[in-house]
N, C-alpha and C. Protein backbone atom coordinates (compact mmCIF):
# COMPACT_ATOMS: atom_id res chain seq x y z
N MET A 1 84.60 113.05 104.63
CA MET A 1 84.46 112.46 103.31
C MET A 1 85.57 111.42 103.11
N ALA A 2 85.21 110.30 102.55
CA ALA A 2 86.16 109.20 102.33
C ALA A 2 87.21 109.59 101.28
N HIS A 3 88.37 108.96 101.40
CA HIS A 3 89.48 109.26 100.49
C HIS A 3 90.13 107.95 100.03
N LEU A 4 90.47 107.89 98.75
CA LEU A 4 91.15 106.74 98.17
C LEU A 4 92.11 107.27 97.11
N THR A 5 93.34 106.80 97.12
CA THR A 5 94.30 107.25 96.10
C THR A 5 94.62 106.09 95.15
N ILE A 6 95.01 106.47 93.95
CA ILE A 6 95.32 105.51 92.89
C ILE A 6 96.74 105.82 92.41
N THR A 7 97.63 104.85 92.47
CA THR A 7 99.01 105.09 92.03
C THR A 7 99.05 105.14 90.50
N ASP A 8 100.16 105.67 89.98
CA ASP A 8 100.37 105.69 88.53
C ASP A 8 100.32 104.28 87.95
N ALA A 9 100.94 103.32 88.64
CA ALA A 9 100.97 101.94 88.14
C ALA A 9 99.57 101.35 88.08
N ALA A 10 98.75 101.61 89.10
CA ALA A 10 97.37 101.10 89.09
C ALA A 10 96.57 101.77 87.98
N ALA A 11 96.75 103.06 87.81
CA ALA A 11 96.03 103.78 86.75
C ALA A 11 96.39 103.23 85.37
N GLU A 12 97.66 102.96 85.15
CA GLU A 12 98.09 102.40 83.87
C GLU A 12 97.47 101.03 83.62
N GLN A 13 97.42 100.19 84.64
CA GLN A 13 96.82 98.86 84.49
C GLN A 13 95.32 98.95 84.25
N ILE A 14 94.65 99.85 84.94
CA ILE A 14 93.21 100.03 84.71
C ILE A 14 92.96 100.47 83.28
N ARG A 15 93.75 101.44 82.79
CA ARG A 15 93.62 101.88 81.39
C ARG A 15 93.85 100.72 80.43
N ARG A 16 94.88 99.92 80.73
CA ARG A 16 95.24 98.80 79.85
C ARG A 16 94.10 97.77 79.75
N VAL A 17 93.55 97.36 80.89
CA VAL A 17 92.50 96.35 80.84
C VAL A 17 91.21 96.89 80.23
N LEU A 18 90.91 98.14 80.47
CA LEU A 18 89.71 98.72 79.86
C LEU A 18 89.88 98.82 78.35
N ALA A 19 91.08 99.16 77.89
CA ALA A 19 91.34 99.22 76.45
C ALA A 19 91.23 97.84 75.82
N GLU A 20 91.74 96.82 76.51
CA GLU A 20 91.64 95.45 76.00
C GLU A 20 90.19 94.99 75.91
N ARG A 21 89.40 95.38 76.90
CA ARG A 21 87.97 95.03 76.90
C ARG A 21 87.20 95.81 75.84
N GLY A 22 87.65 97.03 75.56
CA GLY A 22 86.96 97.88 74.61
C GLY A 22 85.78 98.63 75.20
N GLN A 23 85.61 98.57 76.50
CA GLN A 23 84.53 99.29 77.17
C GLN A 23 84.80 99.36 78.65
N GLY A 24 84.02 100.19 79.34
CA GLY A 24 84.11 100.31 80.79
C GLY A 24 84.45 101.70 81.24
N LEU A 25 83.92 102.04 82.41
CA LEU A 25 84.17 103.35 83.01
C LEU A 25 85.38 103.33 83.93
N GLY A 26 85.66 102.17 84.51
CA GLY A 26 86.74 102.08 85.48
C GLY A 26 86.70 100.76 86.21
N LEU A 27 87.31 100.77 87.39
CA LEU A 27 87.40 99.59 88.24
C LEU A 27 86.39 99.73 89.38
N ARG A 28 85.68 98.65 89.71
CA ARG A 28 84.77 98.66 90.85
C ARG A 28 85.38 97.80 91.95
N VAL A 29 85.37 98.34 93.16
CA VAL A 29 85.94 97.64 94.31
C VAL A 29 84.86 97.49 95.38
N SER A 30 84.75 96.29 95.88
CA SER A 30 83.88 96.03 97.03
C SER A 30 84.59 95.02 97.92
N VAL A 31 83.96 94.66 99.01
CA VAL A 31 84.50 93.65 99.90
C VAL A 31 83.41 92.62 100.17
N LYS A 32 83.83 91.41 100.53
CA LYS A 32 82.88 90.37 100.89
C LYS A 32 83.45 89.59 102.06
N PRO A 33 82.56 89.06 102.90
CA PRO A 33 83.04 88.20 103.98
C PRO A 33 83.71 86.97 103.36
N SER A 34 84.93 86.69 103.79
CA SER A 34 85.67 85.60 103.17
C SER A 34 86.95 85.32 103.93
N GLY A 35 87.49 84.15 103.70
CA GLY A 35 88.82 83.81 104.20
C GLY A 35 88.89 83.64 105.70
N CYS A 36 90.10 83.46 106.16
CA CYS A 36 90.31 83.18 107.57
C CYS A 36 90.36 84.44 108.43
N SER A 37 90.49 85.63 107.80
CA SER A 37 90.59 86.85 108.58
C SER A 37 89.33 87.71 108.56
N GLY A 38 88.38 87.41 107.69
CA GLY A 38 87.12 88.13 107.74
C GLY A 38 86.61 88.67 106.41
N TYR A 39 87.42 89.40 105.65
CA TYR A 39 86.98 90.03 104.41
C TYR A 39 88.01 89.85 103.31
N SER A 40 87.55 89.92 102.08
CA SER A 40 88.47 89.97 100.95
C SER A 40 87.97 91.01 99.97
N TYR A 41 88.89 91.54 99.18
CA TYR A 41 88.56 92.54 98.17
C TYR A 41 87.93 91.84 96.97
N VAL A 42 86.98 92.51 96.36
CA VAL A 42 86.35 92.02 95.14
C VAL A 42 86.55 93.09 94.08
N LEU A 43 87.18 92.70 92.96
CA LEU A 43 87.44 93.63 91.87
C LEU A 43 86.61 93.24 90.67
N ASP A 44 86.06 94.24 90.00
CA ASP A 44 85.27 94.01 88.80
C ASP A 44 85.39 95.25 87.93
N PHE A 45 84.90 95.15 86.72
CA PHE A 45 84.84 96.31 85.84
C PHE A 45 83.56 97.07 86.11
N ALA A 46 83.63 98.37 86.04
CA ALA A 46 82.43 99.21 86.16
C ALA A 46 82.04 99.65 84.75
N ASP A 47 80.99 99.03 84.22
CA ASP A 47 80.50 99.42 82.91
C ASP A 47 79.51 100.57 83.02
N GLU A 48 78.97 100.74 84.21
CA GLU A 48 78.13 101.89 84.51
C GLU A 48 78.24 102.15 86.00
N ALA A 49 77.96 103.38 86.39
CA ALA A 49 78.04 103.75 87.81
C ALA A 49 76.72 103.43 88.49
N ALA A 50 76.79 102.74 89.60
CA ALA A 50 75.59 102.51 90.41
C ALA A 50 75.27 103.79 91.17
N ASN A 51 74.01 104.00 91.46
CA ASN A 51 73.59 105.23 92.15
C ASN A 51 74.28 105.43 93.48
N ASP A 52 74.60 104.34 94.18
CA ASP A 52 75.17 104.47 95.51
C ASP A 52 76.69 104.29 95.55
N ASP A 53 77.34 104.13 94.39
CA ASP A 53 78.80 104.05 94.33
C ASP A 53 79.42 105.40 94.67
N THR A 54 80.60 105.36 95.26
CA THR A 54 81.42 106.57 95.40
C THR A 54 82.53 106.45 94.38
N CYS A 55 82.73 107.49 93.59
CA CYS A 55 83.72 107.47 92.52
C CYS A 55 84.94 108.29 92.92
N PHE A 56 86.11 107.68 92.76
CA PHE A 56 87.39 108.36 92.97
C PHE A 56 88.09 108.42 91.63
N GLU A 57 88.61 109.59 91.28
CA GLU A 57 89.27 109.74 89.99
C GLU A 57 90.65 110.34 90.20
N GLU A 58 91.64 109.69 89.59
CA GLU A 58 93.02 110.15 89.71
C GLU A 58 93.80 109.61 88.52
N HIS A 59 94.70 110.37 87.98
CA HIS A 59 95.53 109.96 86.84
C HIS A 59 94.68 109.56 85.63
N GLY A 60 93.51 110.15 85.51
CA GLY A 60 92.67 109.89 84.35
C GLY A 60 91.87 108.61 84.39
N VAL A 61 91.81 107.93 85.54
CA VAL A 61 91.00 106.71 85.67
C VAL A 61 90.07 106.85 86.87
N LYS A 62 89.04 106.02 86.86
CA LYS A 62 88.05 106.04 87.93
C LYS A 62 88.02 104.70 88.65
N VAL A 63 87.86 104.79 89.97
CA VAL A 63 87.64 103.62 90.81
C VAL A 63 86.33 103.87 91.55
N PHE A 64 85.39 102.93 91.37
CA PHE A 64 84.09 103.02 92.00
C PHE A 64 84.09 102.10 93.21
N VAL A 65 83.63 102.64 94.35
CA VAL A 65 83.63 101.85 95.60
C VAL A 65 82.19 101.66 96.04
N ALA A 66 81.84 100.43 96.31
CA ALA A 66 80.51 100.08 96.80
C ALA A 66 80.31 100.68 98.19
N PRO A 67 79.09 101.07 98.53
CA PRO A 67 78.85 101.73 99.82
C PRO A 67 79.23 100.87 101.03
N ASP A 68 79.06 99.55 100.94
CA ASP A 68 79.39 98.70 102.08
C ASP A 68 80.89 98.57 102.29
N ALA A 69 81.69 98.98 101.31
CA ALA A 69 83.15 98.90 101.43
C ALA A 69 83.79 100.25 101.73
N LEU A 70 83.04 101.31 101.62
CA LEU A 70 83.61 102.65 101.71
C LEU A 70 84.35 102.90 103.02
N GLU A 71 83.74 102.57 104.13
CA GLU A 71 84.37 102.80 105.43
C GLU A 71 85.63 101.96 105.59
N MET A 72 85.60 100.71 105.11
CA MET A 72 86.76 99.83 105.23
C MET A 72 87.91 100.26 104.34
N LEU A 73 87.62 100.94 103.22
CA LEU A 73 88.64 101.35 102.27
C LEU A 73 89.09 102.80 102.44
N ASP A 74 88.46 103.54 103.32
CA ASP A 74 88.79 104.95 103.51
C ASP A 74 90.27 105.12 103.84
N GLY A 75 90.95 105.96 103.09
CA GLY A 75 92.37 106.22 103.30
C GLY A 75 93.30 105.27 102.57
N SER A 76 92.73 104.33 101.82
CA SER A 76 93.55 103.32 101.14
C SER A 76 94.20 103.85 99.87
N GLU A 77 95.25 103.15 99.47
CA GLU A 77 95.93 103.40 98.21
C GLU A 77 95.78 102.15 97.35
N VAL A 78 95.31 102.33 96.12
CA VAL A 78 95.24 101.22 95.17
C VAL A 78 96.52 101.25 94.35
N ASP A 79 97.26 100.16 94.36
CA ASP A 79 98.53 100.06 93.65
C ASP A 79 98.48 98.83 92.75
N TYR A 80 99.38 98.77 91.79
CA TYR A 80 99.53 97.59 90.94
C TYR A 80 100.99 97.22 90.98
N VAL A 81 101.28 95.98 91.36
CA VAL A 81 102.67 95.57 91.57
C VAL A 81 103.03 94.38 90.70
N ASN A 82 104.31 94.34 90.33
CA ASN A 82 104.92 93.20 89.64
C ASN A 82 105.96 92.64 90.59
N GLU A 83 105.73 91.42 91.06
CA GLU A 83 106.70 90.76 91.93
C GLU A 83 107.03 89.41 91.32
N GLY A 84 108.16 89.33 90.65
CA GLY A 84 108.53 88.09 89.97
C GLY A 84 107.53 87.79 88.87
N LEU A 85 106.90 86.63 88.94
CA LEU A 85 105.89 86.26 87.95
C LEU A 85 104.49 86.72 88.33
N ASN A 86 104.35 87.30 89.51
CA ASN A 86 103.03 87.71 90.00
C ASN A 86 102.77 89.18 89.70
N ARG A 87 101.58 89.45 89.20
CA ARG A 87 101.13 90.82 88.96
C ARG A 87 99.73 90.93 89.54
N TYR A 88 99.51 91.98 90.34
CA TYR A 88 98.21 92.09 91.00
C TYR A 88 98.00 93.50 91.55
N PHE A 89 96.71 93.82 91.78
CA PHE A 89 96.37 95.05 92.48
C PHE A 89 96.60 94.81 93.96
N ARG A 90 97.23 95.78 94.61
CA ARG A 90 97.47 95.69 96.05
C ARG A 90 96.81 96.89 96.71
N PHE A 91 96.17 96.64 97.83
CA PHE A 91 95.53 97.70 98.60
C PHE A 91 96.37 97.99 99.82
N ASN A 92 96.91 99.18 99.90
CA ASN A 92 97.62 99.63 101.08
C ASN A 92 96.57 100.32 101.94
N ASN A 93 96.00 99.53 102.86
CA ASN A 93 94.82 99.95 103.60
C ASN A 93 95.17 100.18 105.07
N PRO A 94 95.10 101.44 105.53
CA PRO A 94 95.46 101.73 106.91
C PRO A 94 94.45 101.20 107.94
N ASN A 95 93.30 100.75 107.48
CA ASN A 95 92.26 100.25 108.38
C ASN A 95 92.43 98.78 108.74
N VAL A 96 93.30 98.08 108.04
CA VAL A 96 93.49 96.65 108.28
C VAL A 96 94.18 96.44 109.63
N LYS A 97 93.53 95.64 110.45
CA LYS A 97 94.10 95.31 111.78
C LYS A 97 94.88 94.01 111.75
N ASP A 98 94.46 93.09 110.85
CA ASP A 98 95.12 91.80 110.75
C ASP A 98 94.81 91.23 109.38
N GLN A 99 95.70 90.40 108.87
CA GLN A 99 95.41 89.69 107.62
C GLN A 99 95.98 88.29 107.70
N CYS A 100 95.43 87.42 106.87
CA CYS A 100 95.89 86.03 106.90
C CYS A 100 97.29 85.93 106.31
N GLY A 101 97.93 84.83 106.55
CA GLY A 101 99.31 84.63 106.11
C GLY A 101 99.49 84.72 104.60
N CYS A 102 98.48 84.32 103.83
CA CYS A 102 98.61 84.35 102.37
C CYS A 102 98.23 85.72 101.81
N GLY A 103 97.68 86.61 102.65
CA GLY A 103 97.35 87.95 102.20
C GLY A 103 96.03 88.06 101.45
N GLU A 104 95.24 86.99 101.44
CA GLU A 104 93.98 86.99 100.69
C GLU A 104 92.82 87.60 101.46
N SER A 105 92.89 87.63 102.77
CA SER A 105 91.79 88.19 103.54
C SER A 105 92.34 89.06 104.66
N PHE A 106 91.44 89.91 105.20
CA PHE A 106 91.86 90.89 106.21
C PHE A 106 90.72 91.14 107.18
N SER A 107 91.05 91.76 108.30
CA SER A 107 90.03 92.20 109.25
C SER A 107 90.28 93.68 109.54
N VAL A 108 89.18 94.35 109.91
CA VAL A 108 89.27 95.78 110.24
C VAL A 108 88.77 96.02 111.64
């Protein structure tokens, strides 16, 4: 069975954006072919659960993963980081074999 963890910081950010929106079940994560290394993460709000989504729940929030991304994200940690003026979700993904220099795309 696939596993995905959500840090406290990521959970807080998910709660914050859902509260600002006033709706939503959680965060939806998928991947798409993109960039110089092969794939990039796609983040969206989950206003409803798709029948084939896998739902991970931790710290009171839910992250829905599309079936085509499940194997690539298995074992990953979803984090939210503040680095200087930059704030973003970061995926600590043990399946990544290589990523581009800017960090926008990866290969598995």
